[in-house]
Amino acid sequence: LAFWAPAHLGGSGVLATVACGLYVSWNGPLLISSATRLQGIFFWDLIVYLIEGMVFLVTGLQMRTLLDNGHAFSFGDLLIATGWTTLIVIVARFVWVFPATYVPRWIVPGLRKRDPSPAWQPVFLLAFTGVRGVVSLAAALALPFALDNGQPFPHRELILFVVFGVIILTLVGQGSLLPSVVCWLGLNRVGTEEHLSEVQAELEARQAALAEVEKRLEAFAAECKLPDEVVKLLRTRNLSRNQILPKDLQDGLERTRLSAAVKRQLIDTEREFIYRMLREGKITDEARRRIEYELDLEEAGLANRGSDGGGWI
């Protein structure tokens, strides 16, 4: 939409598109249904997989063309151009990241108070990870084959060669040095501390949310005069969710991991039993699908809480 709006809607269309994107990004969790979110996760994973596969396919096809036309340049010229370009790209990344991190905090006191300036080690790592890949390749492949006067685009093959060289040197070179740089900067300890802090904040948020739900349940039960059996059933859900939350980040997490491992085994046992009942003709395939869907959601919840992105089991 951002590319289509300027030609068809003008500047107001661009502003409307940006405003719409910002509104959806802030309010999307309240507007999008749970079923859509669950399906969207797998949909976008598939789209990303297809795009990455297409990029590598185009890269391989273009490399064959470059190798066929490589005789137009000497090997020394290619090495010098690639080396200088890679050096400039790496230095420019450092020159940009450090001022972009610290200068706004020096100028804006409110930003400095809300988000203090980080230590130089994480900023150095952020600058070091400026590897090149899809975007650089797309920019190089977007160069036209000929100019407006019909003449071939000057040094197009050389530019493509250099771009491929920069991608290889940054991905392979900087990528292979990344573990050593992390250890040299001492970020292993910092990362562990940040992870524990994030998990603690997540647990507190979950507990606070359950407490808010309990308050809402009490008010709703009084307003609608719900039967005691219904209120007890709803409280059981909240109590069950609260009990699986560890009370600390040491013994509690270890017990939760053990509980999750056993729970996965129980889910597998239930799934196998349901399949056996289906083969024996005791339930229909539609019933089996509904039960399996609930088991899959429960197993996905365990995987989400135990993911590397900050899970707590």
Protein backbone atom coordinates (compact mmCIF):
# COMPACT_ATOMS: atom_id res chain seq x y z
CA LEU A 1 0.00 0.00 0.00
CA ALA A 2 2.84 2.40 0.78
CA PHE A 3 4.11 2.10 -2.81
CA TRP A 4 0.67 2.15 -4.40
CA ALA A 5 -0.73 5.11 -2.46
CA PRO A 6 1.59 7.87 -3.81
CA ALA A 7 0.58 7.30 -7.42
CA HIS A 8 -3.14 6.89 -6.84
CA LEU A 9 -4.01 8.72 -3.65
CA GLY A 10 -1.28 11.34 -3.30
CA GLY A 11 0.32 12.49 -0.06
CA SER A 12 -2.89 12.14 1.93
CA GLY A 13 -3.06 8.49 0.89
CA VAL A 14 0.44 7.89 2.21
CA LEU A 15 -0.44 9.49 5.55
CA ALA A 16 -3.65 7.48 5.77
CA THR A 17 -1.77 4.25 5.02
CA VAL A 18 0.87 4.99 7.66
CA ALA A 19 -1.80 5.98 10.20
CA CYS A 20 -3.71 2.77 9.48
CA GLY A 21 -0.56 0.69 9.94
CA LEU A 22 0.23 2.39 13.25
CA TYR A 23 -3.33 1.92 14.49
CA VAL A 24 -3.35 -1.78 13.63
CA SER A 25 0.10 -2.32 15.17
CA TRP A 26 -1.04 -0.78 18.47
CA ASN A 27 -4.58 -2.18 18.61
CA GLY A 28 -4.18 -5.39 16.61
CA PRO A 29 -4.15 -7.70 19.65
CA LEU A 30 -7.59 -6.38 20.61
CA LEU A 31 -9.02 -6.42 17.08
CA ILE A 32 -7.75 -9.73 15.69
CA SER A 33 -9.46 -12.92 16.81
CA SER A 34 -7.53 -15.75 18.44
CA ALA A 35 -8.23 -18.10 15.52
CA THR A 36 -6.80 -15.57 13.07
CA ARG A 37 -3.68 -15.09 15.18
CA LEU A 38 -3.08 -18.84 15.44
CA GLN A 39 -3.48 -19.29 11.70
CA GLY A 40 -1.45 -16.16 10.96
CA ILE A 41 1.61 -17.52 12.76
CA PHE A 42 1.84 -20.54 10.46
CA PHE A 43 0.85 -18.50 7.39
CA TRP A 44 3.61 -15.94 7.81
CA ASP A 45 6.16 -18.64 8.65
CA LEU A 46 5.30 -20.27 5.33
CA ILE A 47 5.52 -16.95 3.46
CA VAL A 48 8.95 -16.20 4.96
CA TYR A 49 10.12 -19.71 4.05
CA LEU A 50 8.98 -19.30 0.44
CA ILE A 51 10.57 -15.84 0.12
CA GLU A 52 13.89 -17.05 1.52
CA GLY A 53 13.85 -20.01 -0.84
CA MET A 54 13.16 -17.72 -3.79
CA VAL A 55 16.00 -15.41 -2.76
CA PHE A 56 18.51 -18.23 -2.61
CA LEU A 57 17.27 -19.53 -5.94
CA VAL A 58 17.73 -16.12 -7.57
CA THR A 59 21.15 -15.84 -5.94
CA GLY A 60 22.29 -19.13 -7.40
CA LEU A 61 20.98 -18.32 -10.87
CA GLN A 62 22.62 -14.90 -10.83
CA MET A 63 25.94 -16.32 -9.65
CA ARG A 64 26.09 -18.58 -12.69
CA THR A 65 25.61 -15.54 -14.95
CA LEU A 66 28.33 -13.61 -13.13
CA LEU A 67 30.78 -16.47 -13.43
CA ASP A 68 30.14 -16.63 -17.17
CA ASN A 69 30.86 -12.89 -17.48
CA GLY A 70 33.71 -12.85 -15.00
CA HIS A 71 36.41 -12.74 -17.68
CA ALA A 72 35.68 -9.03 -18.22
CA PHE A 73 37.54 -8.13 -15.01
CA SER A 74 40.85 -9.18 -13.56
CA PHE A 75 40.89 -11.19 -10.35
CA GLY A 76 42.98 -8.53 -8.63
CA ASP A 77 40.48 -5.77 -9.47
CA LEU A 78 37.66 -7.89 -8.05
CA LEU A 79 39.57 -8.54 -4.81
CA ILE A 80 40.51 -4.89 -4.34
CA ALA A 81 36.99 -3.60 -5.05
CA THR A 82 35.39 -6.21 -2.81
CA GLY A 83 37.85 -5.65 0.04
CA TRP A 84 37.50 -1.86 0.05
CA THR A 85 33.72 -2.02 -0.22
CA THR A 86 33.46 -4.51 2.63
CA LEU A 87 35.72 -2.37 4.82
CA ILE A 88 33.67 0.76 4.09
CA VAL A 89 30.41 -1.07 4.81
CA ILE A 90 31.66 -2.37 8.17
CA VAL A 91 33.13 0.99 9.25
CA ALA A 92 30.01 2.86 8.14
CA ARG A 93 27.91 0.56 10.31
CA PHE A 94 29.95 1.50 13.40
CA VAL A 95 29.95 5.19 12.46
CA TRP A 96 26.14 5.12 12.24
CA VAL A 97 25.15 2.86 15.16
CA PHE A 98 27.11 4.57 17.95
CA PRO A 99 25.85 8.14 17.28
CA ALA A 100 22.33 6.87 16.62
CA THR A 101 22.36 5.18 20.04
CA TYR A 102 23.86 7.89 22.21
CA VAL A 103 23.21 11.26 20.53
CA PRO A 104 19.37 11.19 20.88
CA ARG A 105 19.74 10.38 24.59
CA TRP A 106 22.16 13.26 25.04
CA ILE A 107 19.81 15.68 23.32
CA VAL A 108 16.44 14.53 24.74
CA PRO A 109 16.37 14.32 28.56
CA GLY A 110 13.01 12.54 28.55
CA LEU A 111 14.34 9.77 26.34
CA ARG A 112 17.46 9.48 28.49
CA LYS A 113 15.32 9.13 31.62
CA ARG A 114 12.91 6.62 30.10
CA ASP A 115 15.59 4.60 28.30
CA PRO A 116 19.09 5.24 29.71
CA SER A 117 22.14 4.96 27.49
CA PRO A 118 23.35 1.35 27.29
CA ALA A 119 26.92 0.24 27.83
CA TRP A 120 29.23 0.28 24.85
CA GLN A 121 29.46 -3.53 24.63
CA PRO A 122 25.88 -4.18 23.40
CA VAL A 123 26.17 -1.26 20.98
CA PHE A 124 29.44 -2.65 19.64
CA LEU A 125 27.81 -6.04 19.11
CA LEU A 126 24.87 -4.42 17.34
CA ALA A 127 27.26 -2.61 15.01
CA PHE A 128 29.30 -5.76 14.43
CA THR A 129 26.24 -7.76 13.36
CA GLY A 130 25.62 -5.53 10.34
CA VAL A 131 25.96 -8.41 7.91
CA ARG A 132 24.75 -8.01 4.34
CA GLY A 133 22.33 -10.26 2.55
CA VAL A 134 18.95 -10.04 0.86
CA VAL A 135 18.61 -6.25 0.86
CA SER A 136 22.04 -5.68 -0.68
CA LEU A 137 21.40 -8.36 -3.29
CA ALA A 138 17.99 -6.91 -4.16
CA ALA A 139 19.48 -3.42 -4.55
CA ALA A 140 22.20 -4.72 -6.86
CA LEU A 141 19.83 -6.81 -8.97
CA ALA A 142 17.56 -3.77 -9.33
CA LEU A 143 20.21 -1.99 -11.41
CA PRO A 144 19.02 -1.65 -15.03
CA PHE A 145 20.81 -3.43 -17.82
CA ALA A 146 20.95 -0.29 -19.97
CA LEU A 147 20.76 3.48 -19.59
CA ASP A 148 18.15 5.72 -21.18
CA ASN A 149 20.39 6.24 -24.22
CA GLY A 150 20.65 2.52 -24.83
CA GLN A 151 24.20 2.13 -23.56
CA PRO A 152 24.92 -0.74 -21.14
CA PHE A 153 24.88 0.20 -17.48
CA PRO A 154 28.53 0.87 -16.58
CA HIS A 155 30.23 -1.82 -14.51
CA ARG A 156 26.99 -3.60 -13.65
CA GLU A 157 28.67 -7.01 -13.51
CA LEU A 158 31.45 -5.59 -11.35
CA ILE A 159 28.90 -4.17 -8.91
CA LEU A 160 27.15 -7.53 -8.68
CA PHE A 161 30.46 -9.29 -8.10
CA VAL A 162 31.33 -6.86 -5.33
CA VAL A 163 27.91 -7.27 -3.70
CA PHE A 164 28.27 -11.05 -3.68
CA GLY A 165 31.74 -10.68 -2.20
CA VAL A 166 30.47 -8.36 0.55
CA ILE A 167 27.66 -10.79 1.38
CA ILE A 168 30.06 -13.73 1.64
CA LEU A 169 32.66 -11.84 3.69
CA THR A 170 30.13 -10.42 6.14
CA LEU A 171 27.98 -13.52 6.51
CA VAL A 172 30.80 -16.03 6.69
CA GLY A 173 33.53 -13.80 8.13
CA GLN A 174 31.65 -11.72 10.67
CA GLY A 175 29.18 -14.52 11.34
CA SER A 176 31.92 -17.00 12.27
CA LEU A 177 33.60 -14.41 14.54
CA LEU A 178 30.37 -13.54 16.33
CA PRO A 179 30.70 -16.13 19.18
CA SER A 180 34.26 -14.95 19.88
CA VAL A 181 33.18 -11.31 19.89
CA VAL A 182 30.33 -12.08 22.32
CA CYS A 183 32.75 -13.80 24.69
CA TRP A 184 35.30 -10.99 24.35
CA LEU A 185 32.68 -8.40 25.21
CA GLY A 186 31.49 -10.44 28.18
CA LEU A 187 27.90 -10.43 27.00
CA ASN A 188 27.18 -14.00 28.10
CA ARG A 189 26.68 -12.90 31.69
CA VAL A 190 24.75 -9.81 30.64
CA GLY A 191 22.48 -11.90 28.42
CA THR A 192 21.77 -14.34 31.25
CA GLU A 193 20.90 -11.50 33.62
CA GLU A 194 18.64 -9.86 31.05
CA HIS A 195 16.89 -13.17 30.38
CA LEU A 196 16.23 -13.76 34.09
CA SER A 197 14.97 -10.19 34.46
CA GLU A 198 12.66 -10.66 31.48
CA VAL A 199 11.32 -13.95 32.84
CA GLN A 200 10.71 -12.34 36.24
CA ALA A 201 8.80 -9.48 34.62
CA GLU A 202 6.77 -11.99 32.59
CA LEU A 203 5.83 -13.97 35.68
CA GLU A 204 4.78 -10.83 37.52
CA ALA A 205 2.67 -9.75 34.54
CA ARG A 206 0.97 -13.16 34.39
CA GLN A 207 0.23 -13.10 38.12
CA ALA A 208 -1.09 -9.54 37.97
CA ALA A 209 -3.31 -10.43 35.00
CA LEU A 210 -4.78 -13.41 36.85
CA ALA A 211 -5.45 -11.21 39.88
CA GLU A 212 -7.26 -8.73 37.63
CA VAL A 213 -9.29 -11.57 36.12
CA GLU A 214 -10.25 -12.74 39.60
CA LYS A 215 -11.52 -9.24 40.46
CA ARG A 216 -13.51 -9.12 37.26
CA LEU A 217 -14.98 -12.55 37.99
CA GLU A 218 -16.15 -11.44 41.43
CA ALA A 219 -17.80 -8.32 39.98
CA PHE A 220 -19.38 -10.26 37.11
CA ALA A 221 -20.70 -12.93 39.45
CA ALA A 222 -22.34 -10.27 41.63
CA GLU A 223 -23.81 -8.37 38.69
CA CYS A 224 -25.22 -11.38 36.84
CA LYS A 225 -25.91 -13.52 39.93
CA LEU A 226 -24.10 -16.50 38.49
CA PRO A 227 -24.74 -19.91 40.09
CA ASP A 228 -22.14 -21.06 42.57
CA GLU A 229 -21.27 -24.03 40.36
CA VAL A 230 -20.39 -21.74 37.45
CA VAL A 231 -18.32 -19.40 39.64
CA LYS A 232 -16.49 -22.38 41.13
CA LEU A 233 -15.72 -23.70 37.65
CA LEU A 234 -14.31 -20.36 36.52
CA ARG A 235 -12.25 -20.00 39.66
CA THR A 236 -10.81 -23.46 39.07
CA ARG A 237 -9.48 -22.26 35.71
CA ASN A 238 -7.76 -19.27 37.28
CA LEU A 239 -6.44 -21.37 40.15
CA SER A 240 -5.03 -23.93 37.74
CA ARG A 241 -3.28 -21.27 35.66
CA ASN A 242 -1.90 -19.63 38.80
CA GLN A 243 -0.57 -22.90 40.19
CA ILE A 244 1.59 -23.61 37.13
CA LEU A 245 3.41 -20.30 37.59
CA PRO A 246 6.66 -20.76 39.52
CA LYS A 247 7.01 -18.65 42.64
CA ASP A 248 10.75 -18.12 42.15
CA LEU A 249 13.32 -18.36 39.34
CA GLN A 250 15.37 -21.20 40.80
CA ASP A 251 13.58 -24.24 42.21
CA GLY A 252 10.29 -23.09 40.75
CA LEU A 253 11.57 -23.05 37.18
CA GLU A 254 13.15 -26.47 37.56
CA ARG A 255 9.91 -27.94 38.89
CA THR A 256 7.98 -26.29 36.11
CA ARG A 257 10.29 -27.76 33.45
CA LEU A 258 9.85 -31.21 34.94
CA SER A 259 6.08 -30.75 35.08
CA ALA A 260 6.04 -29.61 31.44
CA ALA A 261 8.04 -32.64 30.31
CA VAL A 262 5.61 -34.99 32.05
CA LYS A 263 2.64 -33.06 30.68
CA ARG A 264 3.90 -33.54 27.13
CA GLN A 265 4.05 -37.28 27.75
CA LEU A 266 0.49 -37.23 29.10
CA ILE A 267 -0.71 -35.31 26.03
CA ASP A 268 0.92 -37.90 23.78
CA THR A 269 -0.74 -40.68 25.75
CA GLU A 270 -4.14 -39.04 25.43
CA ARG A 271 -3.62 -38.46 21.70
CA GLU A 272 -2.66 -42.12 21.14
CA PHE A 273 -5.69 -43.31 23.13
CA ILE A 274 -8.02 -41.10 21.04
CA TYR A 275 -6.58 -42.58 17.84
CA ARG A 276 -7.14 -46.07 19.21
CA MET A 277 -10.77 -45.25 19.98
CA LEU A 278 -11.15 -43.92 16.43
CA ARG A 279 -9.79 -47.15 14.93
CA GLU A 280 -12.14 -49.16 17.13
CA GLY A 281 -15.10 -47.13 15.87
CA LYS A 282 -16.02 -45.70 19.28
CA ILE A 283 -15.78 -42.06 18.14
CA THR A 284 -16.12 -40.33 14.78
CA ASP A 285 -13.31 -38.63 12.94
CA GLU A 286 -14.89 -35.22 13.60
CA ALA A 287 -14.84 -35.88 17.35
CA ARG A 288 -11.23 -36.99 17.10
CA ARG A 289 -10.34 -33.75 15.26
CA ARG A 290 -11.95 -31.58 17.94
CA ILE A 291 -10.14 -33.39 20.74
CA GLU A 292 -6.87 -33.34 18.85
CA TYR A 293 -7.24 -29.61 18.19
CA GLU A 294 -7.51 -28.94 21.92
CA LEU A 295 -4.48 -31.14 22.60
CA ASP A 296 -2.49 -29.33 19.92
CA LEU A 297 -3.35 -25.97 21.45
CA GLU A 298 -2.28 -27.18 24.87
CA GLU A 299 0.98 -28.55 23.50
CA ALA A 300 1.58 -25.31 21.59
CA GLY A 301 1.11 -23.42 24.87
CA LEU A 302 3.81 -25.55 26.48
CA ALA A 303 6.14 -24.95 23.54
CA ASN A 304 5.46 -21.20 23.65
CA ARG A 305 6.29 -20.94 27.36
CA GLY A 306 9.41 -23.00 26.85
CA SER A 307 10.69 -21.20 23.76
CA ASP A 308 14.08 -19.49 23.56
CA GLY A 309 12.40 -16.16 23.21
CA GLY A 310 11.91 -15.75 26.93
CA GLY A 311 9.72 -18.66 28.00
CA TRP A 312 9.68 -19.73 31.61
CA ILE A 313 9.57 -23.53 31.26
